[in-house]
Amino acid sequence: MIDARARVATFRLFSSRQRLALAFVSALAAIATPAAHAASGNGLDIRDIHVQSRHTFSYTCASGKTFKVSYLNASNGQSFALVPVDGRKILLVGVVAASGVKYVGDRYAWWTKGPGADLYDTMADPNAKPLVAGCATIMR
């Protein structure tokens, strides 16, 4: 489980694309929450967004934390990640990134690059360190 409660929030400007993605994810999460609780397997199905595939990976981080992240790919080309933060799963949507794959939602960004990933608080100071850093996919 990732614990983000220790972060102090400060305002950070977002690009218009990021603001749109955050607004979309907030709306999607409000709709998806009841469906996600009742869902099993690939059961997340929101009107006009149909999950084609779901893959779950285990991560271990530099801090010693371990957790699982599920990645969902929709038939319309969108991608999502369910990341555990503060005792709840946060639905993040894939957005354009300079490198790797970046998922954003609520106040968080999960940024993967190859087998590695970091979790950021997007409301924190732009120079703040990640909430959770040095995460790597556990290969078995």
Protein backbone atom coordinates (compact mmCIF):
# COMPACT_ATOMS: atom_id res chain seq x y z
CA MET A 1 0.00 0.00 0.00
CA ILE A 2 1.26 3.47 -0.82
CA ASP A 3 0.87 6.04 1.96
CA ALA A 4 0.53 9.59 0.61
CA ARG A 5 -0.88 11.29 3.72
CA ALA A 6 2.45 12.85 4.71
CA ARG A 7 2.50 15.15 1.66
CA VAL A 8 1.71 18.85 1.95
CA ALA A 9 -0.41 20.05 -0.99
CA THR A 10 0.53 23.12 -2.96
CA PHE A 11 -1.00 24.36 -6.17
CA ARG A 12 0.70 23.34 -9.40
CA LEU A 13 -0.26 24.43 -12.90
CA PHE A 14 -1.25 21.75 -15.37
CA SER A 15 -1.36 21.80 -19.13
CA SER A 16 -4.84 21.94 -20.63
CA ARG A 17 -4.47 18.32 -21.73
CA GLN A 18 -3.62 17.26 -18.15
CA ARG A 19 -6.55 19.26 -16.73
CA LEU A 20 -8.88 17.58 -19.22
CA ALA A 21 -7.48 14.15 -18.34
CA LEU A 22 -7.88 14.84 -14.60
CA ALA A 23 -11.47 16.00 -15.11
CA PHE A 24 -12.22 12.92 -17.21
CA VAL A 25 -10.69 10.56 -14.65
CA SER A 26 -12.62 12.20 -11.81
CA ALA A 27 -15.88 11.75 -13.70
CA LEU A 28 -14.95 8.22 -14.75
CA ALA A 29 -14.01 7.28 -11.19
CA ALA A 30 -17.36 8.54 -9.90
CA ILE A 31 -19.14 6.33 -12.42
CA ALA A 32 -16.72 3.41 -12.10
CA THR A 33 -16.67 3.05 -8.32
CA PRO A 34 -19.95 1.10 -8.03
CA ALA A 35 -19.07 -0.95 -11.10
CA ALA A 36 -15.58 -1.70 -9.83
CA HIS A 37 -16.90 -3.04 -6.52
CA ALA A 38 -19.27 -5.38 -8.30
CA ALA A 39 -16.81 -6.33 -11.03
CA SER A 40 -14.73 -9.45 -11.27
CA GLY A 41 -11.99 -10.23 -13.78
CA ASN A 42 -12.24 -7.76 -16.67
CA GLY A 43 -15.68 -6.65 -15.44
CA LEU A 44 -15.04 -2.90 -15.50
CA ASP A 45 -17.45 -1.83 -18.23
CA ILE A 46 -18.58 1.75 -18.39
CA ARG A 47 -20.91 2.86 -21.13
CA ASP A 48 -18.83 3.39 -24.29
CA ILE A 49 -15.62 2.20 -22.59
CA HIS A 50 -15.16 -1.55 -22.84
CA VAL A 51 -12.14 -3.23 -21.29
CA GLN A 52 -10.42 -5.49 -23.82
CA SER A 53 -7.58 -6.69 -21.63
CA ARG A 54 -6.39 -6.48 -18.05
CA HIS A 55 -2.89 -7.25 -16.77
CA THR A 56 -1.79 -7.11 -13.14
CA PHE A 57 1.85 -6.65 -12.13
CA SER A 58 3.52 -6.77 -8.73
CA TYR A 59 5.98 -4.01 -7.86
CA THR A 60 8.65 -3.66 -5.21
CA CYS A 61 10.02 -0.21 -4.43
CA ALA A 62 13.24 1.23 -3.01
CA SER A 63 11.45 1.78 0.32
CA GLY A 64 10.63 -1.94 0.54
CA LYS A 65 6.93 -1.45 -0.22
CA THR A 66 5.30 -4.05 -2.46
CA PHE A 67 1.92 -3.77 -4.15
CA LYS A 68 0.02 -4.72 -7.31
CA VAL A 69 -1.10 -2.44 -10.14
CA SER A 70 -3.70 -3.50 -12.71
CA TYR A 71 -3.53 -2.10 -16.23
CA LEU A 72 -6.67 -2.02 -18.36
CA ASN A 73 -6.78 -1.46 -22.11
CA ALA A 74 -10.07 -0.32 -23.63
CA SER A 75 -11.32 -1.14 -27.11
CA ASN A 76 -11.30 2.59 -27.97
CA GLY A 77 -7.51 2.80 -27.44
CA GLN A 78 -7.53 4.32 -23.96
CA SER A 79 -5.49 2.80 -21.16
CA PHE A 80 -6.01 2.90 -17.40
CA ALA A 81 -4.17 1.83 -14.25
CA LEU A 82 -5.62 0.90 -10.86
CA VAL A 83 -3.00 1.96 -8.31
CA PRO A 84 -3.35 1.45 -4.52
CA VAL A 85 -2.94 4.72 -2.59
CA ASP A 86 -3.85 5.29 1.08
CA GLY A 87 -5.99 2.16 1.35
CA ARG A 88 -8.00 2.66 -1.82
CA LYS A 89 -7.51 1.89 -5.49
CA ILE A 90 -7.25 5.00 -7.63
CA LEU A 91 -8.30 4.79 -11.29
CA LEU A 92 -5.75 6.65 -13.42
CA VAL A 93 -5.97 7.33 -17.15
CA GLY A 94 -3.04 7.10 -19.58
CA VAL A 95 -1.87 10.46 -20.97
CA VAL A 96 0.86 11.57 -23.35
CA ALA A 97 4.33 11.53 -21.77
CA ALA A 98 7.75 12.58 -23.02
CA SER A 99 9.02 9.10 -22.17
CA GLY A 100 7.44 5.99 -20.74
CA VAL A 101 3.74 5.78 -19.94
CA LYS A 102 2.10 8.25 -17.55
CA TYR A 103 -1.24 7.68 -15.82
CA VAL A 104 -2.99 10.52 -13.96
CA GLY A 105 -6.05 10.85 -11.77
CA ASP A 106 -7.20 12.46 -8.55
CA ARG A 107 -3.99 14.17 -7.44
CA TYR A 108 -1.61 11.40 -8.48
CA ALA A 109 0.59 10.46 -11.42
CA TRP A 110 1.95 6.93 -11.87
CA TRP A 111 4.82 7.13 -14.34
CA THR A 112 6.24 3.92 -15.78
CA LYS A 113 9.43 3.64 -17.81
CA GLY A 114 10.18 0.09 -18.89
CA PRO A 115 9.94 -2.15 -15.80
CA GLY A 116 10.34 0.84 -13.42
CA ALA A 117 7.78 3.27 -12.01
CA ASP A 118 7.32 6.18 -9.59
CA LEU A 119 4.23 7.69 -7.95
CA TYR A 120 3.95 11.49 -7.77
CA ASP A 121 1.63 13.88 -5.96
CA THR A 122 0.72 16.29 -8.76
CA MET A 123 -0.38 18.92 -6.24
CA ALA A 124 3.02 19.00 -4.51
CA ASP A 125 5.87 21.34 -5.37
CA PRO A 126 7.05 20.64 -8.95
CA ASN A 127 10.52 19.81 -7.58
CA ALA A 128 9.20 17.44 -4.90
CA LYS A 129 10.47 13.88 -4.84
CA PRO A 130 8.05 11.09 -5.77
CA LEU A 131 5.76 9.74 -3.04
CA VAL A 132 7.08 6.29 -3.89
CA ALA A 133 10.24 5.93 -5.97
CA GLY A 134 12.37 3.24 -7.51
CA CYS A 135 9.57 0.76 -8.06
CA ALA A 136 10.32 -2.22 -10.29
CA THR A 137 8.17 -4.97 -11.72
CA ILE A 138 8.68 -8.23 -9.84
CA MET A 139 9.57 -10.84 -12.47
CA ARG A 140 8.76 -14.46 -11.59
